[in-house]
Amino acid sequence: MGIETIIVIYDNDSCEVAEARKLDEELTVGRLLQRLQKRLQHEQEENPDLEATKEFKKDIDILEKGYREEIPKIVDEYQKEYFQSFLRVQLPKAEENYKKLYNWTNDNDNPGTKIRRAISELRNESYEEVEANLEEQWECAWKELENGYYCRREEALALKKRTGENFENYKKFKDTVTSWFKQLDDLYKKAEPLLETENYRALYAYSLEFAALLEQARQLKKDDTKYPQNLTVKDHEWLKSELTEHLRQYALAVFKYFYWYKNALKIAEKEKKTRENFDKFRQNRRDQFIREAQDIELKELKEDDDYKDTPLPVKDSPSPVKAEEPERIPTKPSRTTNEST
C-alpha cells in the first residue's frame, strides 16, 4: 500500500498535526510503528539527503529497539524481582520496621502529643505543601510543552527529549523500587539508635518519613484486608502498560519533531532560493530594463509604419466621403497694379 495522503491541519497556537492525531488512533504501538516505517520509507525515496530524514530514521530505530527488545526484557526482569524479592522479602520487612517505629513514638510522653502535632505541622506546611506547589508548577510547564505551544522546531525537540526521558525513567522502575527499600532500611538504621538516647523528636520525624515512603512501596501490593487501595498495583503488568504508553507518546513526539524539523528545513531552503533569485534579478535588472525599453520603442515605431501601409477598406465597407474643395472665385486685377502700368 502506498503512503496515505493526509491534509495537514494545525492552529496558530498549537503544534498538533492531523497526521499525528491519525497515528495516535492506532490500537497498538506496533501498528503505530509500522505507519512510521512506511512514512520513513516514503521520505527516504523523496528526500534521502535531508537531515530531517536521517534523524527520523535514527529515532525510529530507537523506538523499534525499545518495543521489540527492551520492553520485554525489562518487564521479565521486573516480574522476577517483584515476586521473589519485593513482595516476599522487602515489603514484609519494611512493614515490621514501621510497627516498631510507630510503637516507639506513639507514647503520650515521648515525644508527646503536642510535639508530634507540631512536627507534623512543620512537615506539612514547610515541606509537603512547598513540594506540592513546585510539582504543580512543573506539571503546568510540562502541559504547555506537551500541548506544543508556539509551533517551533525547538519546542518539538524539547518534547521529543522529555518523552524520551519519561520512557527511560520507566525502564529503570525496578531500580526505583529497589531504592525505596534501601531508603527504608537506611531510615530505620538511623532511627533505631535514637531510642537509646531518648531523642524522641528526631525519632518521630524519622517515623513520618518512613511512613510516607512506605506508602509508595505499598502500591506494589493491594491489601483488601485492611482498607481499599485506590491506587493501581504496580506489578509487572502495570509496568508493561506504562512502558508501552510512554513509548507511544515518545513515538508521536518523534514524528512531530520530524514534521516541524522538515518544515523548518523547507522554509529555510525556500528562503535561500528566493533570496538567490532576488539577488540574481537585482544584478541584471538595470541592463535588462534598458535593453527591453529599447525593444518596446522599436516595436511602437514598427506599429506606426504598419498603420501607414494599411490597405484600402474592403468594398463592402462604405468609403469615406472626401470633402470637396471650395470653388475658386476669380479676382480682378488690383487697381494699384493697373495704375502702375
Protein backbone atom coordinates (compact mmCIF):
# COMPACT_ATOMS: atom_id res chain seq x y z
CA MET A 1 0.00 0.00 0.00
CA GLY A 2 1.17 3.49 -0.75
CA ILE A 3 1.61 6.38 1.59
CA GLU A 4 -1.67 7.93 2.65
CA THR A 5 -2.34 11.48 1.59
CA ILE A 6 -3.25 13.43 4.69
CA ILE A 7 -4.11 17.11 4.81
CA VAL A 8 -2.06 18.83 7.49
CA ILE A 9 -4.23 20.99 9.73
CA TYR A 10 -2.91 22.91 12.69
CA ASP A 11 -3.78 26.00 14.67
CA ASN A 12 -1.53 29.00 15.08
CA ASP A 13 -1.24 28.29 18.79
CA SER A 14 -0.72 24.55 18.56
CA CYS A 15 1.84 22.20 17.05
CA GLU A 16 -0.74 19.46 16.67
CA VAL A 17 -0.74 17.91 13.23
CA ALA A 18 -3.65 15.96 11.77
CA GLU A 19 -1.34 13.12 10.76
CA ALA A 20 -0.09 12.81 14.33
CA ARG A 21 -3.67 12.52 15.54
CA LYS A 22 -4.25 9.77 12.98
CA LEU A 23 -1.18 7.95 14.27
CA ASP A 24 -2.43 8.21 17.85
CA GLU A 25 -5.64 6.43 16.83
CA GLU A 26 -3.74 3.20 16.12
CA LEU A 27 -4.82 0.48 18.54
CA THR A 28 -1.31 -0.75 19.29
CA VAL A 29 2.17 0.71 19.39
CA GLY A 30 3.24 -1.99 16.92
CA ARG A 31 0.81 -0.66 14.31
CA LEU A 32 1.87 2.91 15.04
CA LEU A 33 5.50 1.97 14.41
CA GLN A 34 4.50 0.25 11.15
CA ARG A 35 2.93 3.52 10.00
CA LEU A 36 6.07 5.40 10.92
CA GLN A 37 8.17 2.87 9.00
CA LYS A 38 6.04 3.48 5.89
CA ARG A 39 6.44 7.20 6.30
CA LEU A 40 10.18 6.79 6.68
CA GLN A 41 10.34 4.69 3.52
CA HIS A 42 8.48 7.41 1.64
CA GLU A 43 10.82 10.11 2.95
CA GLN A 44 13.89 8.08 2.06
CA GLU A 45 12.61 7.85 -1.51
CA GLU A 46 11.61 11.50 -1.79
CA ASN A 47 14.16 13.26 0.46
CA PRO A 48 17.02 10.84 1.14
CA ASP A 49 19.64 13.54 1.78
CA LEU A 50 17.52 15.71 4.04
CA GLU A 51 18.90 15.89 7.60
CA ALA A 52 15.38 15.53 8.98
CA THR A 53 15.00 12.20 7.17
CA LYS A 54 18.31 10.88 8.51
CA GLU A 55 17.45 11.85 12.07
CA PHE A 56 13.94 10.41 11.65
CA LYS A 57 15.50 7.04 10.77
CA LYS A 58 17.73 7.11 13.87
CA ASP A 59 14.76 7.86 16.10
CA ILE A 60 12.64 5.09 14.60
CA ASP A 61 15.49 2.62 15.11
CA ILE A 62 15.50 3.59 18.80
CA LEU A 63 11.73 3.16 19.02
CA GLU A 64 11.84 -0.24 17.33
CA LYS A 65 14.56 -1.44 19.68
CA GLY A 66 12.60 -0.22 22.69
CA TYR A 67 9.46 -2.02 21.53
CA ARG A 68 10.98 -5.28 20.24
CA GLU A 69 13.84 -5.81 22.70
CA GLU A 70 13.90 -3.53 25.73
CA ILE A 71 10.30 -3.63 27.00
CA PRO A 72 10.00 -7.46 27.04
CA LYS A 73 13.38 -7.81 28.78
CA ILE A 74 12.67 -5.10 31.37
CA VAL A 75 9.22 -6.48 32.21
CA ASP A 76 10.57 -10.01 32.57
CA GLU A 77 13.36 -8.91 34.93
CA TYR A 78 10.97 -6.80 36.98
CA GLN A 79 8.47 -9.66 37.25
CA LYS A 80 11.11 -11.95 38.77
CA GLU A 81 12.27 -9.32 41.24
CA TYR A 82 8.69 -8.33 42.04
CA PHE A 83 7.64 -11.77 43.28
CA GLN A 84 10.91 -13.11 44.67
CA SER A 85 12.16 -10.01 46.49
CA PHE A 86 9.77 -7.07 46.65
CA LEU A 87 6.65 -8.91 47.81
CA ARG A 88 8.17 -11.81 49.77
CA VAL A 89 11.13 -10.12 51.46
CA GLN A 90 11.43 -6.35 51.21
CA LEU A 91 7.84 -5.21 51.80
CA PRO A 92 7.21 -7.51 54.87
CA LYS A 93 10.48 -6.34 56.39
CA ALA A 94 9.53 -2.68 55.89
CA GLU A 95 6.12 -3.27 57.49
CA GLU A 96 7.72 -4.83 60.59
CA ASN A 97 10.17 -1.96 60.98
CA TYR A 98 7.36 0.56 60.70
CA LYS A 99 5.45 -1.16 63.50
CA LYS A 100 8.49 -0.75 65.75
CA LEU A 101 8.88 2.91 64.85
CA TYR A 102 5.21 3.55 65.48
CA ASN A 103 5.32 1.92 68.88
CA TRP A 104 8.45 3.82 69.84
CA THR A 105 6.94 7.22 69.07
CA ASN A 106 3.26 6.79 69.97
CA ASP A 107 3.79 7.37 73.69
CA ASN A 108 1.95 10.33 75.22
CA ASP A 109 5.13 11.48 76.92
CA ASN A 110 7.76 10.55 74.33
CA PRO A 111 7.76 12.80 72.44
CA GLY A 112 4.21 13.77 73.48
CA THR A 113 1.03 14.71 71.63
CA LYS A 114 1.85 18.40 71.25
CA ILE A 115 5.35 17.73 69.96
CA ARG A 116 4.06 15.17 67.47
CA ARG A 117 1.43 17.64 66.26
CA ALA A 118 4.00 20.44 65.89
CA ILE A 119 6.40 18.20 63.96
CA SER A 120 3.59 17.01 61.71
CA GLU A 121 2.50 20.60 61.01
CA LEU A 122 6.07 21.61 60.26
CA ARG A 123 6.39 18.76 57.77
CA ASN A 124 3.06 19.51 56.12
CA GLU A 125 3.34 23.30 55.86
CA SER A 126 7.05 23.80 55.25
CA TYR A 127 7.83 20.72 53.21
CA GLU A 128 4.81 18.86 51.85
CA GLU A 129 2.98 21.99 50.67
CA VAL A 130 6.10 23.54 49.18
CA GLU A 131 6.90 20.31 47.35
CA ALA A 132 3.31 20.05 46.09
CA ASN A 133 3.43 23.64 44.85
CA LEU A 134 6.69 23.05 43.00
CA GLU A 135 5.27 19.86 41.49
CA GLU A 136 2.18 21.74 40.31
CA GLN A 137 4.36 24.39 38.65
CA TRP A 138 6.31 21.66 36.88
CA GLU A 139 3.12 19.94 35.72
CA CYS A 140 1.80 23.22 34.28
CA ALA A 141 5.06 23.79 32.45
CA TRP A 142 5.01 20.22 31.18
CA LYS A 143 1.46 20.56 29.87
CA GLU A 144 2.43 23.71 28.00
CA LEU A 145 5.27 21.82 26.39
CA GLU A 146 3.15 18.73 25.76
CA ASN A 147 0.42 20.78 24.10
CA GLY A 148 3.01 22.17 21.72
CA TYR A 149 2.63 25.92 22.02
CA TYR A 150 4.41 28.17 19.50
CA CYS A 151 4.91 25.52 16.81
CA ARG A 152 8.66 25.72 16.53
CA ARG A 153 11.28 23.09 15.95
CA GLU A 154 12.84 23.89 19.34
CA GLU A 155 9.62 23.11 21.23
CA ALA A 156 9.12 19.91 19.24
CA LEU A 157 12.70 18.87 20.02
CA ALA A 158 12.19 19.58 23.73
CA LEU A 159 9.01 17.50 23.69
CA LYS A 160 10.82 14.62 22.00
CA LYS A 161 13.59 14.73 24.58
CA ARG A 162 11.16 14.88 27.50
CA THR A 163 9.02 11.97 26.32
CA GLY A 164 12.20 10.02 25.67
CA GLU A 165 13.34 10.72 29.23
CA ASN A 166 9.98 9.56 30.58
CA PHE A 167 10.36 6.30 28.71
CA GLU A 168 13.91 5.88 30.04
CA ASN A 169 12.74 6.55 33.61
CA TYR A 170 10.12 3.82 33.45
CA LYS A 171 12.69 1.45 32.02
CA LYS A 172 14.52 1.91 35.34
CA PHE A 173 11.46 1.41 37.56
CA LYS A 174 12.90 -1.76 39.08
CA ASP A 175 15.85 0.29 40.28
CA THR A 176 13.40 2.86 41.68
CA VAL A 177 11.64 0.20 43.77
CA THR A 178 14.97 -1.18 44.94
CA SER A 179 15.89 2.35 46.00
CA TRP A 180 12.66 2.64 48.03
CA PHE A 181 13.54 -0.37 50.15
CA LYS A 182 17.15 0.74 50.52
CA GLN A 183 15.98 4.12 51.80
CA LEU A 184 13.58 2.41 54.20
CA ASP A 185 16.42 0.29 55.57
CA ASP A 186 18.62 3.38 55.93
CA LEU A 187 15.89 5.33 57.71
CA TYR A 188 15.31 2.51 60.15
CA LYS A 189 19.03 2.07 60.85
CA LYS A 190 19.37 5.80 61.57
CA ALA A 191 16.25 5.87 63.73
CA GLU A 192 16.91 2.80 65.87
CA PRO A 193 19.88 4.24 67.89
CA LEU A 194 17.79 7.30 68.79
CA LEU A 195 15.68 5.11 71.08
CA GLU A 196 18.67 4.58 73.39
CA THR A 197 19.46 8.31 73.51
CA GLU A 198 15.76 9.09 74.00
CA ASN A 199 15.74 11.56 71.11
CA TYR A 200 12.04 11.06 70.51
CA ARG A 201 11.54 14.17 68.42
CA ALA A 202 14.01 13.03 65.81
CA LEU A 203 12.68 9.50 66.14
CA TYR A 204 9.15 10.69 65.40
CA ALA A 205 10.36 12.72 62.40
CA TYR A 206 12.04 9.57 61.07
CA SER A 207 8.81 7.64 61.55
CA LEU A 208 6.89 10.19 59.45
CA GLU A 209 9.43 9.98 56.64
CA PHE A 210 9.40 6.20 56.87
CA ALA A 211 5.58 6.10 56.70
CA ALA A 212 5.48 8.35 53.62
CA LEU A 213 7.99 6.23 51.76
CA LEU A 214 6.34 3.01 52.87
CA GLU A 215 3.07 4.28 51.37
CA GLN A 216 4.77 4.29 47.99
CA ALA A 217 6.12 0.79 48.49
CA ARG A 218 2.66 -0.45 49.48
CA GLN A 219 1.48 0.30 45.94
CA LEU A 220 3.26 -2.88 44.91
CA LYS A 221 0.57 -4.96 46.57
CA LYS A 222 -3.15 -4.45 47.10
CA ASP A 223 -4.22 -5.38 50.61
CA ASP A 224 -8.00 -5.63 50.76
CA THR A 225 -7.97 -6.93 54.34
CA LYS A 226 -7.01 -3.54 55.79
CA TYR A 227 -8.53 -0.88 53.56
CA PRO A 228 -9.39 -0.46 49.89
CA GLN A 229 -6.39 0.75 47.96
CA ASN A 230 -7.44 3.04 45.12
CA LEU A 231 -4.02 3.16 43.52
CA THR A 232 -3.19 0.74 40.75
CA VAL A 233 -0.99 -2.12 41.87
CA LYS A 234 2.41 -1.60 40.35
CA ASP A 235 3.12 -5.15 39.25
CA HIS A 236 4.74 -6.36 36.03
CA GLU A 237 1.52 -5.96 34.03
CA TRP A 238 1.25 -2.35 35.15
CA LEU A 239 4.89 -1.75 34.20
CA LYS A 240 4.35 -3.24 30.75
CA SER A 241 1.35 -0.97 30.22
CA GLU A 242 3.25 2.11 31.37
CA LEU A 243 6.28 1.36 29.21
CA THR A 244 4.08 0.79 26.16
CA GLU A 245 2.14 4.01 26.69
CA HIS A 246 5.27 6.09 27.20
CA LEU A 247 6.79 4.54 24.09
CA ARG A 248 3.66 5.56 22.20
CA GLN A 249 3.99 9.15 23.41
CA TYR A 250 7.67 9.08 22.53
CA ALA A 251 6.88 7.82 19.03
CA LEU A 252 4.31 10.58 18.48
CA ALA A 253 6.77 13.20 19.70
CA VAL A 254 9.40 11.80 17.33
CA PHE A 255 7.02 12.21 14.40
CA LYS A 256 6.02 15.74 15.43
CA TYR A 257 9.66 16.72 15.70
CA PHE A 258 10.37 15.21 12.29
CA TYR A 259 7.45 17.13 10.81
CA TRP A 260 8.49 20.51 12.22
CA TYR A 261 12.18 19.86 11.55
CA LYS A 262 11.41 19.02 7.93
CA ASN A 263 9.09 22.02 7.73
CA ALA A 264 11.80 24.29 9.11
CA LEU A 265 14.32 22.96 6.58
CA LYS A 266 11.87 23.52 3.74
CA ILE A 267 11.20 27.06 4.89
CA ALA A 268 14.93 27.74 5.17
CA GLU A 269 15.55 26.25 1.71
CA LYS A 270 12.70 28.27 0.25
CA GLU A 271 14.11 31.44 1.78
CA LYS A 272 17.55 30.63 0.40
CA LYS A 273 16.28 30.04 -3.12
CA THR A 274 14.08 33.09 -3.16
CA ARG A 275 16.96 35.21 -1.87
CA GLU A 276 19.23 33.85 -4.61
CA ASN A 277 16.60 34.60 -7.22
CA PHE A 278 16.22 38.09 -5.86
CA ASP A 279 19.97 38.75 -5.84
CA LYS A 280 20.32 37.41 -9.37
CA PHE A 281 17.46 39.57 -10.58
CA ARG A 282 18.96 42.67 -8.98
CA GLN A 283 22.32 42.06 -10.66
CA ASN A 284 20.84 42.09 -14.18
CA ARG A 285 17.81 44.26 -13.59
CA ARG A 286 19.19 47.58 -14.84
CA ASP A 287 20.78 46.34 -18.08
CA GLN A 288 17.78 44.17 -18.85
CA PHE A 289 15.41 47.03 -18.30
CA ILE A 290 17.33 49.42 -20.56
CA ARG A 291 17.54 46.83 -23.31
CA GLU A 292 13.87 45.94 -23.06
CA ALA A 293 12.91 49.61 -23.08
CA GLN A 294 14.62 49.97 -26.45
CA ASP A 295 12.76 46.95 -27.78
CA ILE A 296 9.47 48.47 -26.77
CA GLU A 297 10.35 51.70 -28.64
CA LEU A 298 11.27 49.84 -31.85
CA LYS A 299 8.07 47.89 -31.68
CA GLU A 300 5.98 51.06 -31.43
CA LEU A 301 7.68 52.57 -34.44
CA LYS A 302 7.00 49.43 -36.42
CA GLU A 303 3.35 49.62 -35.47
CA ASP A 304 3.21 53.19 -36.79
CA ASP A 305 4.74 52.14 -40.15
CA ASP A 306 2.24 49.33 -40.41
CA TYR A 307 -0.57 51.82 -39.94
CA LYS A 308 0.58 53.95 -42.90
CA ASP A 309 0.63 50.95 -45.22
CA THR A 310 -2.85 49.86 -44.27
CA PRO A 311 -4.74 48.67 -47.44
CA LEU A 312 -7.99 50.24 -48.56
CA PRO A 313 -11.10 49.05 -46.85
CA VAL A 314 -12.96 46.20 -48.45
CA LYS A 315 -15.75 47.06 -50.94
CA ASP A 316 -18.48 46.08 -48.62
CA SER A 317 -17.44 48.81 -46.30
CA PRO A 318 -18.62 52.34 -47.13
CA SER A 319 -15.88 54.55 -48.47
CA PRO A 320 -15.23 57.67 -46.56
CA VAL A 321 -16.69 60.79 -48.30
CA LYS A 322 -13.97 63.14 -49.39
CA ALA A 323 -14.82 66.75 -48.78
CA GLU A 324 -14.95 68.89 -51.99
CA GLU A 325 -12.55 71.73 -52.28
CA PRO A 326 -14.29 75.15 -52.28
CA GLU A 327 -14.84 76.76 -55.70
CA ARG A 328 -12.18 79.32 -56.60
CA ILE A 329 -13.59 82.81 -57.34
CA PRO A 330 -11.63 84.80 -59.97
CA THR A 331 -10.33 88.11 -58.70
CA LYS A 332 -9.97 91.41 -60.59
CA PRO A 333 -6.63 92.97 -61.05
CA SER A 334 -5.72 95.36 -58.34
CA ARG A 335 -6.21 98.95 -59.03
CA THR A 336 -2.95 99.85 -57.83
CA THR A 337 -1.45 97.36 -60.14
CA ASN A 338 -3.27 98.79 -63.26
CA GLU A 339 -2.43 102.27 -62.28
CA SER A 340 1.13 101.45 -62.06
CA THR A 341 1.25 100.12 -65.56
